[in-house]
C-alpha atoms as a PDB file:
ATOM      1  CA  MET A   1     147.279  84.690 -63.718  1.00  0.00           C
ATOM      2  CA  THR A   2     143.857  86.087 -62.734  1.00  0.00           C
ATOM      3  CA  ARG A   3     142.956  89.174 -64.766  1.00  0.00           C
ATOM      4  CA  ILE A   4     140.797  91.547 -62.719  1.00  0.00           C
ATOM      5  CA  ILE A   5     138.590  94.530 -63.532  1.00  0.00           C
ATOM      6  CA  MET A   6     138.418  96.761 -60.447  1.00  0.00           C
ATOM      7  CA  HIS A   7     134.950  98.311 -60.113  1.00  0.00           C
ATOM      8  CA  GLY A   8     135.362 101.401 -57.955  1.00  0.00           C
ATOM      9  CA  CYS A   9     139.117 101.541 -58.585  1.00  0.00           C
ATOM     10  CA  ASN A  10     139.669 105.077 -57.293  1.00  0.00           C
ATOM     11  CA  GLY A  11     137.848 104.629 -54.018  1.00  0.00           C
ATOM     12  CA  ALA A  12     139.679 103.754 -50.794  1.00  0.00           C
ATOM     13  CA  MET A  13     139.204 100.012 -51.177  1.00  0.00           C
ATOM     14  CA  GLY A  14     139.903 100.074 -54.909  1.00  0.00           C
ATOM     15  CA  GLN A  15     143.226 101.794 -54.292  1.00  0.00           C
ATOM     16  CA  THR A  16     144.141  99.370 -51.485  1.00  0.00           C
ATOM     17  CA  ILE A  17     143.402  96.378 -53.734  1.00  0.00           C
ATOM     18  CA  SER A  18     145.392  97.964 -56.565  1.00  0.00           C
ATOM     19  CA  ARG A  19     148.446  98.273 -54.310  1.00  0.00           C
ATOM     20  CA  ILE A  20     148.162  94.677 -53.078  1.00  0.00           C
ATOM     21  CA  VAL A  21     147.744  93.232 -56.566  1.00  0.00           C
ATOM     22  CA  LYS A  22     150.920  94.998 -57.751  1.00  0.00           C
ATOM     23  CA  ASP A  23     152.876  92.645 -55.469  1.00  0.00           C
ATOM     24  CA  ASP A  24     150.865  89.519 -56.390  1.00  0.00           C
ATOM     25  CA  ALA A  25     152.488  87.378 -59.069  1.00  0.00           C
ATOM     26  CA  ASP A  26     149.219  85.488 -59.643  1.00  0.00           C
ATOM     27  CA  ALA A  27     146.894  88.445 -60.243  1.00  0.00           C
ATOM     28  CA  GLN A  28     146.751  91.562 -62.384  1.00  0.00           C
ATOM     29  CA  ILE A  29     144.298  94.440 -62.602  1.00  0.00           C
ATOM     30  CA  VAL A  30     143.781  94.991 -66.314  1.00  0.00           C
ATOM     31  CA  ALA A  31     141.176  97.776 -66.102  1.00  0.00           C
ATOM     32  CA  GLY A  32     139.329  99.952 -63.631  1.00  0.00           C
ATOM     33  CA  ILE A  33     135.878 101.518 -63.487  1.00  0.00           C
ATOM     34  CA  ASP A  34     135.230 104.783 -61.636  1.00  0.00           C
ATOM     35  CA  ILE A  35     133.210 107.928 -62.292  1.00  0.00           C
ATOM     36  CA  VAL A  36     136.291 109.885 -61.153  1.00  0.00           C
ATOM     37  CA  ASP A  37     139.420 109.331 -63.245  1.00  0.00           C
ATOM     38  CA  ASN A  38     142.035 111.388 -61.440  1.00  0.00           C
ATOM     39  CA  LYS A  39     144.745 108.854 -60.562  1.00  0.00           C
ATOM     40  CA  ASP A  40     147.578 107.135 -62.392  1.00  0.00           C
ATOM     41  CA  ASN A  41     146.756 103.499 -61.669  1.00  0.00           C
ATOM     42  CA  GLY A  42     148.947 101.850 -64.277  1.00  0.00           C
ATOM     43  CA  TYR A  43     145.891 100.403 -66.025  1.00  0.00           C
ATOM     44  CA  PRO A  44     143.117 101.955 -68.158  1.00  0.00           C
ATOM     45  CA  VAL A  45     140.194 103.486 -66.253  1.00  0.00           C
ATOM     46  CA  PHE A  46     136.687 103.830 -67.723  1.00  0.00           C
ATOM     47  CA  THR A  47     134.200 106.291 -66.260  1.00  0.00           C
ATOM     48  CA  SER A  48     131.349 104.092 -67.484  1.00  0.00           C
ATOM     49  CA  ILE A  49     131.398 100.314 -67.274  1.00  0.00           C
ATOM     50  CA  LYS A  50     129.531 100.173 -70.586  1.00  0.00           C
ATOM     51  CA  ASP A  51     132.681 101.464 -72.312  1.00  0.00           C
ATOM     52  CA  CYS A  52     134.993  98.808 -70.851  1.00  0.00           C
ATOM     53  CA  ASN A  53     136.227  96.509 -73.620  1.00  0.00           C
ATOM     54  CA  VAL A  54     139.186  94.889 -71.820  1.00  0.00           C
ATOM     55  CA  GLU A  55     139.330  91.095 -71.573  1.00  0.00           C
ATOM     56  CA  ALA A  56     139.291  89.844 -67.979  1.00  0.00           C
ATOM     57  CA  ASP A  57     138.547  86.796 -65.841  1.00  0.00           C
ATOM     58  CA  VAL A  58     136.593  88.435 -63.009  1.00  0.00           C
ATOM     59  CA  ILE A  59     135.384  91.767 -61.618  1.00  0.00           C
ATOM     60  CA  ILE A  60     135.936  92.876 -58.028  1.00  0.00           C
ATOM     61  CA  ASP A  61     133.252  95.341 -56.956  1.00  0.00           C
ATOM     62  CA  PHE A  62     133.868  97.827 -54.162  1.00  0.00           C
ATOM     63  CA  CYS A  63     131.652 100.706 -55.241  1.00  0.00           C
ATOM     64  CA  SER A  64     128.254 102.048 -54.203  1.00  0.00           C
ATOM     65  CA  ALA A  65     124.698 100.791 -54.420  1.00  0.00           C
ATOM     66  CA  LYS A  66     123.819 103.353 -57.091  1.00  0.00           C
ATOM     67  CA  ALA A  67     126.431 101.832 -59.418  1.00  0.00           C
ATOM     68  CA  MET A  68     125.191  98.270 -58.920  1.00  0.00           C
ATOM     69  CA  ASP A  69     122.540  98.109 -61.651  1.00  0.00           C
ATOM     70  CA  ALA A  70     124.992  98.996 -64.434  1.00  0.00           C
ATOM     71  CA  LEU A  71     127.478  96.439 -63.032  1.00  0.00           C
ATOM     72  CA  LEU A  72     124.854  93.679 -63.053  1.00  0.00           C
ATOM     73  CA  ASP A  73     123.835  94.578 -66.620  1.00  0.00           C
ATOM     74  CA  PHE A  74     127.479  94.310 -67.708  1.00  0.00           C
ATOM     75  CA  CYS A  75     128.085  90.975 -65.944  1.00  0.00           C
ATOM     76  CA  GLU A  76     124.911  89.480 -67.382  1.00  0.00           C
ATOM     77  CA  GLU A  77     125.788  90.597 -70.916  1.00  0.00           C
ATOM     78  CA  LYS A  78     129.436  89.448 -70.725  1.00  0.00           C
ATOM     79  CA  LYS A  79     128.819  86.361 -68.547  1.00  0.00           C
ATOM     80  CA  MET A  80     131.512  87.836 -66.314  1.00  0.00           C
ATOM     81  CA  PRO A  81     132.195  86.345 -62.847  1.00  0.00           C
ATOM     82  CA  VAL A  82     131.940  89.030 -60.167  1.00  0.00           C
ATOM     83  CA  VAL A  83     132.993  89.416 -56.529  1.00  0.00           C
ATOM     84  CA  ILE A  84     130.401  91.741 -54.973  1.00  0.00           C
ATOM     85  CA  CYS A  85     131.580  93.554 -51.848  1.00  0.00           C
ATOM     86  CA  THR A  86     129.272  96.584 -51.944  1.00  0.00           C
ATOM     87  CA  THR A  87     126.764  96.765 -49.078  1.00  0.00           C
ATOM     88  CA  GLY A  88     123.567  98.749 -48.526  1.00  0.00           C
ATOM     89  CA  LEU A  89     121.863  97.160 -51.527  1.00  0.00           C
ATOM     90  CA  SER A  90     118.094  97.253 -52.057  1.00  0.00           C
ATOM     91  CA  GLU A  91     115.885  94.175 -52.032  1.00  0.00           C
ATOM     92  CA  GLU A  92     115.472  94.567 -55.788  1.00  0.00           C
ATOM     93  CA  GLN A  93     119.226  94.586 -56.308  1.00  0.00           C
ATOM     94  CA  LEU A  94     119.682  91.542 -54.087  1.00  0.00           C
ATOM     95  CA  ALA A  95     117.037  89.746 -56.149  1.00  0.00           C
ATOM     96  CA  ARG A  96     118.870  90.686 -59.350  1.00  0.00           C
ATOM     97  CA  ILE A  97     122.138  89.325 -57.917  1.00  0.00           C
ATOM     98  CA  ALA A  98     120.438  86.031 -57.097  1.00  0.00           C
ATOM     99  CA  ASP A  99     119.078  85.893 -60.651  1.00  0.00           C
ATOM    100  CA  LEU A 100     122.522  86.707 -62.089  1.00  0.00           C
ATOM    101  CA  SER A 101     124.035  83.745 -60.252  1.00  0.00           C
ATOM    102  CA  LYS A 102     121.943  81.447 -62.429  1.00  0.00           C
ATOM    103  CA  LYS A 103     123.674  82.865 -65.523  1.00  0.00           C
ATOM    104  CA  SER A 104     127.167  83.672 -64.249  1.00  0.00           C
ATOM    105  CA  ALA A 105     129.343  83.049 -61.192  1.00  0.00           C
ATOM    106  CA  VAL A 106     128.789  85.436 -58.283  1.00  0.00           C
ATOM    107  CA  LEU A 107     130.619  85.636 -54.972  1.00  0.00           C
ATOM    108  CA  LYS A 108     128.886  87.955 -52.529  1.00  0.00           C
ATOM    109  CA  SER A 109     130.067  88.687 -49.030  1.00  0.00           C
ATOM    110  CA  ALA A 110     129.311  91.525 -46.641  1.00  0.00           C
ATOM    111  CA  ASN A 111     132.851  91.240 -45.328  1.00  0.00           C
ATOM    112  CA  MET A 112     135.875  89.766 -47.077  1.00  0.00           C
ATOM    113  CA  SER A 113     137.949  89.231 -43.933  1.00  0.00           C
ATOM    114  CA  LEU A 114     139.025  85.698 -43.038  1.00  0.00           C
ATOM    115  CA  GLY A 115     138.623  86.567 -39.341  1.00  0.00           C
ATOM    116  CA  ILE A 116     135.039  87.796 -39.695  1.00  0.00           C
ATOM    117  CA  ASN A 117     134.015  84.772 -41.702  1.00  0.00           C
ATOM    118  CA  THR A 118     135.469  82.544 -38.976  1.00  0.00           C
ATOM    119  CA  LEU A 119     133.492  84.601 -36.447  1.00  0.00           C
ATOM    120  CA  PHE A 120     130.246  83.737 -38.262  1.00  0.00           C
ATOM    121  CA  LYS A 121     130.824  80.051 -37.436  1.00  0.00           C
ATOM    122  CA  LEU A 122     131.879  80.737 -33.842  1.00  0.00           C
ATOM    123  CA  VAL A 123     128.762  82.759 -32.971  1.00  0.00           C
ATOM    124  CA  GLN A 124     126.523  80.153 -34.577  1.00  0.00           C
ATOM    125  CA  ASP A 125     128.013  77.505 -32.310  1.00  0.00           C
ATOM    126  CA  ALA A 126     127.747  79.818 -29.298  1.00  0.00           C
ATOM    127  CA  VAL A 127     124.096  80.775 -29.756  1.00  0.00           C
ATOM    128  CA  LYS A 128     123.019  77.144 -29.945  1.00  0.00           C
ATOM    129  CA  VAL A 129     124.188  76.817 -26.340  1.00  0.00           C
ATOM    130  CA  LEU A 130     123.726  80.315 -24.926  1.00  0.00           C
ATOM    131  CA  GLY A 131     120.632  81.341 -26.838  1.00  0.00           C
ATOM    132  CA  ASN A 132     118.811  78.208 -25.789  1.00  0.00           C
ATOM    133  CA  ALA A 133     119.910  78.927 -22.194  1.00  0.00           C
ATOM    134  CA  GLY A 134     118.136  82.304 -22.275  1.00  0.00           C
ATOM    135  CA  TYR A 135     121.089  84.648 -22.883  1.00  0.00           C
ATOM    136  CA  ASP A 136     120.255  87.960 -24.551  1.00  0.00           C
ATOM    137  CA  VAL A 137     122.086  88.647 -27.826  1.00  0.00           C
ATOM    138  CA  GLU A 138     123.301  92.077 -28.920  1.00  0.00           C
ATOM    139  CA  ILE A 139     125.515  93.210 -31.802  1.00  0.00           C
ATOM    140  CA  VAL A 140     127.452  96.478 -31.707  1.00  0.00           C
ATOM    141  CA  GLU A 141     129.309  97.659 -34.828  1.00  0.00           C
ATOM    142  CA  LYS A 142     131.583 100.676 -35.216  1.00  0.00           C
ATOM    143  CA  HIS A 143     132.813 102.312 -38.418  1.00  0.00           C
ATOM    144  CA  HIS A 144     134.336 105.555 -39.684  1.00  0.00           C
ATOM    145  CA  ASN A 145     132.250 108.676 -40.098  1.00  0.00           C
ATOM    146  CA  GLN A 146     132.216 108.413 -43.906  1.00  0.00           C
ATOM    147  CA  LYS A 147     130.310 105.099 -44.036  1.00  0.00           C
ATOM    148  CA  LEU A 148     126.908 105.581 -45.641  1.00  0.00           C
ATOM    149  CA  ASP A 149     124.922 102.538 -44.536  1.00  0.00           C
ATOM    150  CA  ALA A 150     123.942 101.590 -40.987  1.00  0.00           C
ATOM    151  CA  PRO A 151     123.898  99.022 -39.613  1.00  0.00           C
ATOM    152  CA  SER A 152     126.785  97.563 -41.568  1.00  0.00           C
ATOM    153  CA  GLY A 153     126.326  94.665 -43.949  1.00  0.00           C
ATOM    154  CA  THR A 154     128.609  92.608 -41.722  1.00  0.00           C
ATOM    155  CA  ALA A 155     126.467  93.276 -38.639  1.00  0.00           C
ATOM    156  CA  LEU A 156     123.381  92.146 -40.541  1.00  0.00           C
ATOM    157  CA  ALA A 157     125.233  89.053 -41.790  1.00  0.00           C
ATOM    158  CA  LEU A 158     126.241  88.221 -38.208  1.00  0.00           C
ATOM    159  CA  ALA A 159     122.633  88.632 -37.108  1.00  0.00           C
ATOM    160  CA  ASP A 160     121.439  86.408 -39.946  1.00  0.00           C
ATOM    161  CA  SER A 161     123.960  83.693 -39.083  1.00  0.00           C
ATOM    162  CA  ILE A 162     122.860  83.759 -35.424  1.00  0.00           C
ATOM    163  CA  ASN A 163     119.174  83.740 -36.365  1.00  0.00           C
ATOM    164  CA  GLU A 164     119.700  80.900 -38.828  1.00  0.00           C
ATOM    165  CA  ALA A 165     121.226  78.764 -36.081  1.00  0.00           C
ATOM    166  CA  MET A 166     118.141  79.416 -33.934  1.00  0.00           C
ATOM    167  CA  ASP A 167     115.563  78.658 -36.650  1.00  0.00           C
ATOM    168  CA  ASN A 168     114.840  82.376 -37.129  1.00  0.00           C
ATOM    169  CA  GLN A 169     113.434  82.928 -33.649  1.00  0.00           C
ATOM    170  CA  TYR A 170     114.860  86.429 -33.219  1.00  0.00           C
ATOM    171  CA  GLU A 171     113.376  89.779 -34.196  1.00  0.00           C
ATOM    172  CA  TYR A 172     115.943  92.452 -35.088  1.00  0.00           C
ATOM    173  CA  VAL A 173     115.679  95.680 -33.100  1.00  0.00           C
ATOM    174  CA  TYR A 174     117.656  98.717 -34.285  1.00  0.00           C
ATOM    175  CA  ASP A 175     116.338 101.514 -32.069  1.00  0.00           C
ATOM    176  CA  ARG A 176     114.785 101.291 -28.610  1.00  0.00           C
ATOM    177  CA  SER A 177     114.455 105.036 -28.051  1.00  0.00           C
ATOM    178  CA  GLN A 178     110.812 105.191 -29.106  1.00  0.00           C
ATOM    179  CA  LYS A 179     109.458 102.635 -26.651  1.00  0.00           C
ATOM    180  CA  ARG A 180     109.568 102.288 -22.872  1.00  0.00           C
ATOM    181  CA  GLU A 181     109.302  98.603 -22.144  1.00  0.00           C
ATOM    182  CA  LYS A 182     111.602  95.843 -21.053  1.00  0.00           C
ATOM    183  CA  ARG A 183     113.597  93.852 -23.548  1.00  0.00           C
ATOM    184  CA  ASP A 184     111.828  90.889 -25.146  1.00  0.00           C
ATOM    185  CA  ALA A 185     113.656  87.562 -24.872  1.00  0.00           C
ATOM    186  CA  LYS A 186     113.497  87.119 -28.640  1.00  0.00           C
ATOM    187  CA  GLU A 187     115.020  90.484 -29.519  1.00  0.00           C
ATOM    188  CA  LEU A 188     118.368  90.662 -31.275  1.00  0.00           C
ATOM    189  CA  GLY A 189     119.632  94.197 -30.844  1.00  0.00           C
ATOM    190  CA  ILE A 190     121.862  95.767 -33.500  1.00  0.00           C
ATOM    191  CA  SER A 191     123.576  99.090 -32.737  1.00  0.00           C
ATOM    192  CA  ALA A 192     125.680 101.237 -35.077  1.00  0.00           C
ATOM    193  CA  VAL A 193     128.402 103.708 -34.064  1.00  0.00           C
ATOM    194  CA  ARG A 194     129.942 106.136 -36.582  1.00  0.00           C
ATOM    195  CA  GLY A 195     133.023 108.190 -35.822  1.00  0.00           C
ATOM    196  CA  GLY A 196     136.571 109.125 -36.746  1.00  0.00           C
ATOM    197  CA  THR A 197     138.530 106.697 -38.873  1.00  0.00           C
ATOM    198  CA  ILE A 198     137.413 103.394 -37.333  1.00  0.00           C
ATOM    199  CA  VAL A 199     138.029 100.786 -40.057  1.00  0.00           C
ATOM    200  CA  GLY A 200     135.623  98.195 -38.707  1.00  0.00           C
ATOM    201  CA  ASP A 201     134.725  96.797 -35.286  1.00  0.00           C
ATOM    202  CA  HIS A 202     132.079  94.140 -34.657  1.00  0.00           C
ATOM    203  CA  GLU A 203     131.132  92.762 -31.257  1.00  0.00           C
ATOM    204  CA  VAL A 204     128.600  90.057 -30.461  1.00  0.00           C
ATOM    205  CA  ILE A 205     127.459  90.053 -26.828  1.00  0.00           C
ATOM    206  CA  PHE A 206     125.766  87.144 -25.077  1.00  0.00           C
ATOM    207  CA  ALA A 207     124.429  88.533 -21.791  1.00  0.00           C
ATOM    208  CA  GLY A 208     123.140  86.112 -19.173  1.00  0.00           C
ATOM    209  CA  ILE A 209     122.504  86.215 -15.462  1.00  0.00           C
ATOM    210  CA  ASP A 210     125.738  87.206 -13.700  1.00  0.00           C
ATOM    211  CA  GLU A 211     127.959  86.627 -16.755  1.00  0.00           C
ATOM    212  CA  VAL A 212     128.670  88.040 -20.219  1.00  0.00           C
ATOM    213  CA  ILE A 213     130.434  86.340 -23.136  1.00  0.00           C
ATOM    214  CA  GLU A 214     131.765  88.572 -25.917  1.00  0.00           C
ATOM    215  CA  PHE A 215     133.082  87.796 -29.395  1.00  0.00           C
ATOM    216  CA  LYS A 216     134.884  90.674 -31.075  1.00  0.00           C
ATOM    217  CA  HIS A 217     136.627  91.332 -34.375  1.00  0.00           C
ATOM    218  CA  THR A 218     138.595  94.515 -35.056  1.00  0.00           C
ATOM    219  CA  ALA A 219     140.038  95.464 -38.438  1.00  0.00           C
ATOM    220  CA  TYR A 220     142.998  97.828 -38.174  1.00  0.00           C
ATOM    221  CA  SER A 221     143.341  98.481 -41.908  1.00  0.00           C
ATOM    222  CA  LYS A 222     141.448  97.952 -45.140  1.00  0.00           C
ATOM    223  CA  ALA A 223     144.164  95.502 -46.238  1.00  0.00           C
ATOM    224  CA  VAL A 224     142.375  92.571 -44.559  1.00  0.00           C
ATOM    225  CA  PHE A 225     139.365  93.125 -46.815  1.00  0.00           C
ATOM    226  CA  ALA A 226     141.512  93.715 -49.882  1.00  0.00           C
ATOM    227  CA  LYS A 227     143.446  90.480 -49.442  1.00  0.00           C
ATOM    228  CA  GLY A 228     140.209  88.545 -49.032  1.00  0.00           C
ATOM    229  CA  SER A 229     138.674  90.041 -52.178  1.00  0.00           C
ATOM    230  CA  VAL A 230     141.728  89.117 -54.265  1.00  0.00           C
ATOM    231  CA  ALA A 231     141.594  85.545 -52.886  1.00  0.00           C
ATOM    232  CA  ALA A 232     137.896  85.477 -53.794  1.00  0.00           C
ATOM    233  CA  ALA A 233     138.664  86.646 -57.365  1.00  0.00           C
ATOM    234  CA  LYS A 234     141.219  83.862 -57.798  1.00  0.00           C
ATOM    235  CA  PHE A 235     138.683  81.351 -56.474  1.00  0.00           C
ATOM    236  CA  LEU A 236     135.987  82.576 -58.899  1.00  0.00           C
ATOM    237  CA  LYS A 237     138.183  82.465 -62.003  1.00  0.00           C
ATOM    238  CA  GLY A 238     136.936  79.817 -64.423  1.00  0.00           C
ATOM    239  CA  LYS A 239     133.587  79.314 -62.700  1.00  0.00           C
ATOM    240  CA  THR A 240     130.617  79.841 -64.975  1.00  0.00           C
ATOM    241  CA  VAL A 241     127.567  79.838 -62.720  1.00  0.00           C
ATOM    242  CA  GLY A 242     126.512  79.754 -59.066  1.00  0.00           C
ATOM    243  CA  MET A 243     126.326  81.805 -55.874  1.00  0.00           C
ATOM    244  CA  PHE A 244     129.358  81.627 -53.585  1.00  0.00           C
ATOM    245  CA  ASP A 245     130.618  83.345 -50.434  1.00  0.00           C
ATOM    246  CA  MET A 246     133.829  83.573 -48.434  1.00  0.00           C
ATOM    247  CA  ARG A 247     133.127  80.274 -46.719  1.00  0.00           C
ATOM    248  CA  ASP A 248     133.648  78.618 -50.100  1.00  0.00           C
ATOM    249  CA  VAL A 249     136.974  80.422 -50.505  1.00  0.00           C
ATOM    250  CA  ILE A 250     138.118  79.313 -47.043  1.00  0.00           C
ATOM    251  CA  ALA A 251     137.005  75.710 -47.663  1.00  0.00           C
ATOM    252  CA  ASP A 252     138.806  75.653 -51.017  1.00  0.00           C
ATOM    253  CA  ALA A 253     142.016  76.911 -49.412  1.00  0.00           C
ATOM    254  CA  ASN A 254     141.882  74.133 -46.829  1.00  0.00           C
END
């Protein structure tokens, strides 16, 4: 049994994870953290993580960047493994997470979906062929109108995986409206769309002369991310140190 503290338990993702774990015989949420305590979750909820005194194996974090510093303080003090799913973090926070991984186990992923993490590998293989053949690369991501950060963490992770495969040749371009000049061959365009209730849509476009190849992932509900985060928590249980991502979870399952 993996005992989980849900950080951000009363948010949309926290509630989705709570529902999924109720039907999971191998996991249990033993406490939640949220500044708003207005739901009956079936487990104790603390409005400050500093007040949480419940024994657990791992924390799942789906909160906001402004809550990250207190979470990292708690995990460092308790030597608590943590699955970090929050995006839009500052460079300072990312540096703190890297430092925490030397003292406790951390699994960080911009997207917990099995499909997206498979897509990372597919686009890396594709760009080695198409990028070297002169195809332009563009990423378009779409999310609901309540999402705070743009571009999404997943879009940036896709861009990083593509750039890594090409020895970091690309320069990311987020807005072309302020310049009137043709596209540079080494640009990697990243566009963000916000509207309605779109859960998550990521498309990678390889545009060449007279042909276009597209890779696309669409999430139709938050459940795909919730299931991945619970699998990640089970994977992290018992680990004491190190930085992991969803590729490690997938490899362990196989």
